[in-house]
């Protein structure tokens, strides 16, 4: 089985989220024609994704976890962290080492969604 990736971002204010991710990652958003709800396809230049209006303020109790955290590679984690803050995002878990692999951090976007950023570094300790 191949491991193709498709991710979705749920947003309370889709236009605000598109501004955040469009500026942070230079992603492009295109309205999906014929979708049953307002939906935008995300062109990341790599993985495929979509963005939609958050369907509920909180998930139903029986659904368990309400997130699947995606982490994105960056060439400079410190600079990207500053960009997240400047765009209205917040730091959820500051930069930490995954020894011998990368530097990693977790953030909240403008919609309260958690995402990760990592900078490959075999010397991370």
N, C-alpha and C. Protein backbone atom coordinates (compact mmCIF):
# COMPACT_ATOMS: atom_id res chain seq x y z
N UNK A 1 0.85 -1.17 0.00
CA UNK A 1 0.00 0.00 0.00
C UNK A 1 0.89 1.24 0.00
N UNK A 2 0.61 2.19 -0.87
CA UNK A 2 1.40 3.42 -0.87
C UNK A 2 0.90 4.34 0.23
N UNK A 3 1.73 5.25 0.65
CA UNK A 3 1.40 6.13 1.77
C UNK A 3 1.18 7.56 1.28
N UNK A 4 0.21 7.73 0.39
CA UNK A 4 -0.13 9.08 -0.04
C UNK A 4 -0.80 9.81 1.12
N UNK A 5 -0.65 11.11 1.15
CA UNK A 5 -1.18 11.90 2.26
C UNK A 5 -2.23 12.87 1.76
N UNK A 6 -3.34 12.94 2.48
CA UNK A 6 -4.35 13.97 2.27
C UNK A 6 -4.76 14.44 3.66
N UNK A 7 -4.67 15.71 3.91
CA UNK A 7 -5.01 16.24 5.22
C UNK A 7 -6.09 17.30 5.07
N UNK A 8 -6.82 17.53 6.16
CA UNK A 8 -7.84 18.57 6.18
C UNK A 8 -7.64 19.45 7.40
N UNK A 9 -7.91 20.73 7.20
CA UNK A 9 -7.89 21.70 8.28
C UNK A 9 -9.31 22.20 8.47
N UNK A 10 -9.83 22.08 9.68
CA UNK A 10 -11.16 22.61 10.00
C UNK A 10 -10.96 24.00 10.59
N UNK A 11 -11.75 24.95 10.16
CA UNK A 11 -11.55 26.33 10.59
C UNK A 11 -12.87 26.99 10.95
N UNK A 12 -12.88 27.74 12.05
CA UNK A 12 -14.04 28.53 12.41
C UNK A 12 -14.20 29.70 11.45
N UNK A 13 -13.07 30.26 11.01
CA UNK A 13 -13.05 31.36 10.05
C UNK A 13 -12.12 30.97 8.90
N UNK A 14 -12.66 30.29 7.87
CA UNK A 14 -11.82 29.79 6.79
C UNK A 14 -10.92 30.85 6.14
N UNK A 15 -11.42 32.05 5.92
CA UNK A 15 -10.60 33.08 5.27
C UNK A 15 -9.38 33.43 6.13
N UNK A 16 -9.57 33.50 7.43
CA UNK A 16 -8.46 33.78 8.34
C UNK A 16 -7.43 32.65 8.30
N UNK A 17 -7.91 31.41 8.31
CA UNK A 17 -7.00 30.26 8.25
C UNK A 17 -6.25 30.23 6.93
N UNK A 18 -6.92 30.54 5.83
CA UNK A 18 -6.24 30.56 4.53
C UNK A 18 -5.16 31.64 4.51
N UNK A 19 -5.43 32.78 5.14
CA UNK A 19 -4.42 33.83 5.23
C UNK A 19 -3.22 33.38 6.04
N UNK A 20 -3.48 32.69 7.14
CA UNK A 20 -2.41 32.21 8.01
C UNK A 20 -1.52 31.22 7.27
N UNK A 21 -2.11 30.14 6.74
CA UNK A 21 -1.33 29.10 6.07
C UNK A 21 -0.78 29.57 4.72
N UNK A 22 -1.53 30.42 4.04
CA UNK A 22 -1.03 30.94 2.76
C UNK A 22 0.23 31.75 2.94
N UNK A 23 0.27 32.56 4.00
CA UNK A 23 1.45 33.37 4.27
C UNK A 23 2.57 32.53 4.88
N UNK A 24 2.24 31.66 5.82
CA UNK A 24 3.27 30.87 6.49
C UNK A 24 3.97 29.92 5.54
N UNK A 25 3.21 29.16 4.73
CA UNK A 25 3.79 28.13 3.87
C UNK A 25 3.72 28.45 2.38
N UNK A 26 3.12 29.59 2.03
CA UNK A 26 2.93 29.95 0.62
C UNK A 26 2.01 28.95 -0.09
N UNK A 27 1.04 28.40 0.66
CA UNK A 27 0.06 27.50 0.06
C UNK A 27 -0.97 28.32 -0.71
N UNK A 28 -1.55 27.69 -1.73
CA UNK A 28 -2.62 28.31 -2.51
C UNK A 28 -3.91 27.54 -2.26
N UNK A 29 -5.02 28.26 -2.24
CA UNK A 29 -6.33 27.68 -1.95
C UNK A 29 -7.26 27.91 -3.14
N UNK A 30 -7.97 26.86 -3.51
CA UNK A 30 -8.89 26.92 -4.65
C UNK A 30 -10.23 26.36 -4.21
N UNK A 31 -11.32 27.12 -4.39
CA UNK A 31 -12.64 26.59 -4.02
C UNK A 31 -12.93 25.29 -4.77
N UNK A 32 -13.47 24.32 -4.06
CA UNK A 32 -13.85 23.04 -4.67
C UNK A 32 -15.28 23.17 -5.19
N UNK A 33 -15.46 22.98 -6.47
CA UNK A 33 -16.78 23.08 -7.09
C UNK A 33 -17.58 21.82 -6.79
N UNK A 34 -18.85 21.99 -6.44
CA UNK A 34 -19.74 20.86 -6.23
C UNK A 34 -19.62 20.19 -4.87
N UNK A 35 -18.80 20.73 -3.97
CA UNK A 35 -18.67 20.13 -2.64
C UNK A 35 -19.96 20.40 -1.85
N UNK A 36 -20.37 19.47 -0.97
CA UNK A 36 -21.61 19.65 -0.21
C UNK A 36 -21.51 20.73 0.87
N UNK A 37 -20.30 21.16 1.22
CA UNK A 37 -20.07 22.24 2.18
C UNK A 37 -19.00 23.15 1.57
N UNK A 38 -18.90 24.41 2.03
CA UNK A 38 -17.81 25.26 1.54
C UNK A 38 -16.47 24.57 1.80
N UNK A 39 -15.69 24.38 0.75
CA UNK A 39 -14.48 23.58 0.83
C UNK A 39 -13.45 24.15 -0.14
N UNK A 40 -12.21 24.19 0.30
CA UNK A 40 -11.12 24.68 -0.53
C UNK A 40 -10.04 23.61 -0.63
N UNK A 41 -9.56 23.35 -1.83
CA UNK A 41 -8.42 22.45 -2.01
C UNK A 41 -7.15 23.25 -1.74
N UNK A 42 -6.17 22.59 -1.11
CA UNK A 42 -4.92 23.25 -0.77
C UNK A 42 -3.82 22.72 -1.69
N UNK A 43 -3.15 23.64 -2.38
CA UNK A 43 -1.98 23.29 -3.18
C UNK A 43 -0.75 23.62 -2.35
N UNK A 44 -0.10 22.57 -1.84
CA UNK A 44 1.09 22.74 -1.00
C UNK A 44 2.38 22.59 -1.80
N UNK A 45 2.25 22.12 -3.04
CA UNK A 45 3.44 21.77 -3.80
C UNK A 45 3.91 20.37 -3.47
N UNK A 46 3.19 19.67 -2.59
CA UNK A 46 3.54 18.32 -2.17
C UNK A 46 2.29 17.57 -1.76
N UNK A 47 2.13 17.35 -0.47
CA UNK A 47 0.96 16.63 0.05
C UNK A 47 -0.31 17.37 -0.35
N UNK A 48 -1.38 16.59 -0.53
CA UNK A 48 -2.67 17.18 -0.90
C UNK A 48 -3.48 17.46 0.35
N UNK A 49 -4.25 18.55 0.33
CA UNK A 49 -5.05 18.88 1.49
C UNK A 49 -6.30 19.65 1.14
N UNK A 50 -7.10 19.87 2.17
CA UNK A 50 -8.33 20.63 2.02
C UNK A 50 -8.61 21.42 3.28
N UNK A 51 -9.42 22.46 3.14
CA UNK A 51 -9.81 23.30 4.26
C UNK A 51 -11.32 23.48 4.19
N UNK A 52 -11.99 23.36 5.33
CA UNK A 52 -13.43 23.51 5.37
C UNK A 52 -13.87 24.21 6.64
N UNK A 53 -15.08 24.74 6.60
CA UNK A 53 -15.70 25.34 7.78
C UNK A 53 -15.80 24.26 8.86
N UNK A 54 -15.38 24.58 10.07
CA UNK A 54 -15.47 23.62 11.17
C UNK A 54 -16.93 23.20 11.33
N UNK A 55 -17.22 21.87 11.29
CA UNK A 55 -18.61 21.43 11.31
C UNK A 55 -19.29 21.54 12.67
N UNK A 56 -18.53 21.60 13.75
CA UNK A 56 -19.11 21.71 15.09
C UNK A 56 -18.12 22.40 16.00
N UNK A 57 -18.63 23.13 16.99
CA UNK A 57 -17.74 23.83 17.92
C UNK A 57 -16.87 22.85 18.70
N UNK A 58 -17.46 21.74 19.09
CA UNK A 58 -16.71 20.69 19.78
C UNK A 58 -17.17 19.35 19.21
N UNK A 59 -16.29 18.36 19.19
CA UNK A 59 -16.69 17.07 18.62
C UNK A 59 -17.67 16.34 19.54
N UNK A 60 -18.47 15.46 18.98
CA UNK A 60 -19.35 14.65 19.82
C UNK A 60 -18.53 13.82 20.81
N UNK A 61 -19.05 13.63 22.00
CA UNK A 61 -18.32 12.92 23.06
C UNK A 61 -17.88 11.53 22.64
N UNK A 62 -18.65 10.85 21.83
CA UNK A 62 -18.32 9.47 21.47
C UNK A 62 -17.24 9.34 20.40
N UNK A 63 -16.74 10.46 19.89
CA UNK A 63 -15.77 10.34 18.79
C UNK A 63 -14.32 10.23 19.26
N UNK A 64 -14.05 10.39 20.55
CA UNK A 64 -12.67 10.28 21.03
C UNK A 64 -11.85 11.49 20.63
N UNK A 65 -10.64 11.25 20.15
CA UNK A 65 -9.75 12.35 19.76
C UNK A 65 -10.35 13.15 18.62
N UNK A 66 -10.07 14.44 18.61
CA UNK A 66 -10.62 15.28 17.55
C UNK A 66 -9.52 15.91 16.71
N UNK A 67 -8.34 15.27 16.67
CA UNK A 67 -7.25 15.86 15.90
C UNK A 67 -6.33 14.80 15.35
N UNK A 68 -5.70 15.13 14.27
CA UNK A 68 -4.62 14.35 13.70
C UNK A 68 -3.56 15.39 13.40
N UNK A 69 -2.50 15.40 14.14
CA UNK A 69 -1.51 16.46 14.03
C UNK A 69 -0.55 16.16 12.89
N UNK A 70 -0.43 17.10 11.99
CA UNK A 70 0.54 17.02 10.90
C UNK A 70 1.71 17.93 11.24
N UNK A 71 2.91 17.46 10.94
CA UNK A 71 4.11 18.26 11.13
C UNK A 71 4.75 18.50 9.76
N UNK A 72 5.23 19.72 9.57
CA UNK A 72 5.77 20.14 8.28
C UNK A 72 7.24 20.50 8.42
N UNK A 73 8.03 20.11 7.44
CA UNK A 73 9.46 20.41 7.45
C UNK A 73 9.70 21.89 7.13
N UNK A 74 10.68 22.46 7.81
CA UNK A 74 11.10 23.83 7.56
C UNK A 74 12.62 23.87 7.58
N UNK A 75 13.20 24.79 6.84
CA UNK A 75 14.66 24.91 6.79
C UNK A 75 15.20 25.62 8.03
N UNK A 76 14.37 26.43 8.70
CA UNK A 76 14.82 27.21 9.85
C UNK A 76 13.68 27.29 10.87
N UNK A 77 13.71 26.41 11.87
CA UNK A 77 12.63 26.33 12.85
C UNK A 77 12.49 27.63 13.64
N UNK A 78 13.60 28.25 14.00
CA UNK A 78 13.51 29.50 14.77
C UNK A 78 12.82 30.60 13.97
N UNK A 79 13.19 30.75 12.70
CA UNK A 79 12.56 31.78 11.85
C UNK A 79 11.08 31.45 11.63
N UNK A 80 10.77 30.17 11.43
CA UNK A 80 9.36 29.78 11.23
C UNK A 80 8.54 30.00 12.49
N UNK A 81 9.13 29.76 13.66
CA UNK A 81 8.45 30.02 14.92
C UNK A 81 8.09 31.49 15.03
N UNK A 82 9.01 32.35 14.67
CA UNK A 82 8.75 33.80 14.72
C UNK A 82 7.63 34.17 13.74
N UNK A 83 7.63 33.55 12.56
CA UNK A 83 6.57 33.83 11.58
C UNK A 83 5.21 33.39 12.11
N UNK A 84 5.17 32.22 12.75
CA UNK A 84 3.90 31.75 13.34
C UNK A 84 3.38 32.79 14.31
N UNK A 85 4.24 33.27 15.19
CA UNK A 85 3.82 34.27 16.19
C UNK A 85 3.36 35.56 15.52
N UNK A 86 4.09 36.01 14.51
CA UNK A 86 3.72 37.25 13.81
C UNK A 86 2.40 37.14 13.07
N UNK A 87 2.02 35.92 12.69
CA UNK A 87 0.77 35.69 11.96
C UNK A 87 -0.41 35.41 12.88
N UNK A 88 -0.20 35.46 14.19
CA UNK A 88 -1.29 35.26 15.14
C UNK A 88 -1.38 33.86 15.71
N UNK A 89 -0.43 32.99 15.37
CA UNK A 89 -0.39 31.65 15.96
C UNK A 89 0.32 31.70 17.30
N UNK A 90 0.27 30.60 18.04
CA UNK A 90 0.92 30.55 19.34
C UNK A 90 1.76 29.27 19.45
N UNK A 91 2.71 29.31 20.36
CA UNK A 91 3.56 28.16 20.61
C UNK A 91 2.83 27.25 21.59
N UNK A 92 2.62 26.00 21.20
CA UNK A 92 1.99 25.02 22.09
C UNK A 92 3.05 24.24 22.87
N UNK A 93 4.16 23.90 22.22
CA UNK A 93 5.28 23.21 22.84
C UNK A 93 6.53 23.73 22.17
N UNK A 94 7.40 24.44 22.93
CA UNK A 94 8.59 25.05 22.33
C UNK A 94 9.53 24.02 21.72
N UNK A 95 10.43 24.53 20.93
CA UNK A 95 11.46 23.75 20.24
C UNK A 95 12.10 22.71 21.17
N UNK A 96 12.19 21.48 20.67
CA UNK A 96 12.84 20.41 21.42
C UNK A 96 13.57 19.51 20.43
N UNK A 97 14.55 18.77 20.93
CA UNK A 97 15.33 17.88 20.08
C UNK A 97 14.70 16.50 20.01
N UNK A 98 14.65 15.96 18.81
CA UNK A 98 14.43 14.53 18.61
C UNK A 98 15.84 14.05 18.29
N UNK A 99 16.54 13.51 19.29
CA UNK A 99 17.98 13.26 19.15
C UNK A 99 18.37 12.49 17.89
N UNK A 100 19.32 13.10 17.17
CA UNK A 100 19.84 12.51 15.96
C UNK A 100 18.94 12.63 14.74
N UNK A 101 17.79 13.30 14.89
CA UNK A 101 16.82 13.38 13.80
C UNK A 101 16.50 14.83 13.41
N UNK A 102 15.98 15.59 14.38
CA UNK A 102 15.50 16.93 14.04
C UNK A 102 15.26 17.77 15.29
N UNK A 103 14.97 19.04 15.05
CA UNK A 103 14.41 19.95 16.05
C UNK A 103 12.92 20.05 15.72
N UNK A 104 12.08 20.08 16.74
CA UNK A 104 10.64 20.02 16.51
C UNK A 104 9.95 21.00 17.46
N UNK A 105 8.78 21.47 17.07
CA UNK A 105 7.96 22.30 17.92
C UNK A 105 6.50 22.14 17.52
N UNK A 106 5.58 22.41 18.46
CA UNK A 106 4.15 22.36 18.17
C UNK A 106 3.55 23.74 18.37
N UNK A 107 2.55 24.04 17.56
CA UNK A 107 1.96 25.37 17.52
C UNK A 107 0.45 25.26 17.39
N UNK A 108 -0.24 26.37 17.68
CA UNK A 108 -1.67 26.50 17.42
C UNK A 108 -1.84 27.53 16.33
N UNK A 109 -2.65 27.21 15.32
CA UNK A 109 -2.93 28.18 14.28
C UNK A 109 -4.00 29.16 14.77
N UNK A 110 -4.44 30.03 13.90
CA UNK A 110 -5.45 31.04 14.27
C UNK A 110 -6.80 30.43 14.58
N UNK A 111 -7.00 29.14 14.26
CA UNK A 111 -8.27 28.46 14.50
C UNK A 111 -8.21 27.54 15.70
N UNK A 112 -7.07 27.51 16.40
CA UNK A 112 -6.91 26.64 17.56
C UNK A 112 -6.49 25.22 17.22
N UNK A 113 -6.13 24.98 15.94
CA UNK A 113 -5.65 23.66 15.53
C UNK A 113 -4.17 23.52 15.85
N UNK A 114 -3.76 22.33 16.29
CA UNK A 114 -2.37 22.04 16.57
C UNK A 114 -1.68 21.55 15.30
N UNK A 115 -0.48 22.05 15.05
CA UNK A 115 0.35 21.53 13.97
C UNK A 115 1.80 21.60 14.43
N UNK A 116 2.64 20.82 13.78
CA UNK A 116 4.06 20.78 14.13
C UNK A 116 4.93 21.31 13.01
N UNK A 117 6.10 21.78 13.41
CA UNK A 117 7.15 22.15 12.46
C UNK A 117 8.42 21.45 12.90
N UNK A 118 9.21 20.96 11.93
CA UNK A 118 10.46 20.33 12.28
C UNK A 118 11.56 20.73 11.31
N UNK A 119 12.77 20.78 11.85
CA UNK A 119 13.96 21.11 11.07
C UNK A 119 14.91 19.92 11.16
N UNK A 120 15.13 19.19 10.05
CA UNK A 120 16.03 18.05 10.08
C UNK A 120 17.42 18.48 10.56
N UNK A 121 18.00 17.69 11.46
CA UNK A 121 19.34 17.94 11.98
C UNK A 121 19.83 16.68 12.67
N UNK A 122 20.74 15.95 12.01
CA UNK A 122 21.24 14.70 12.59
C UNK A 122 22.05 14.95 13.87
N UNK A 123 22.43 16.22 14.11
CA UNK A 123 23.17 16.56 15.32
C UNK A 123 22.30 17.04 16.47
N UNK A 124 20.98 17.04 16.27
CA UNK A 124 20.07 17.50 17.33
C UNK A 124 20.25 16.61 18.57
N UNK A 125 20.39 17.28 19.72
CA UNK A 125 20.57 16.53 20.96
C UNK A 125 19.95 17.28 22.13
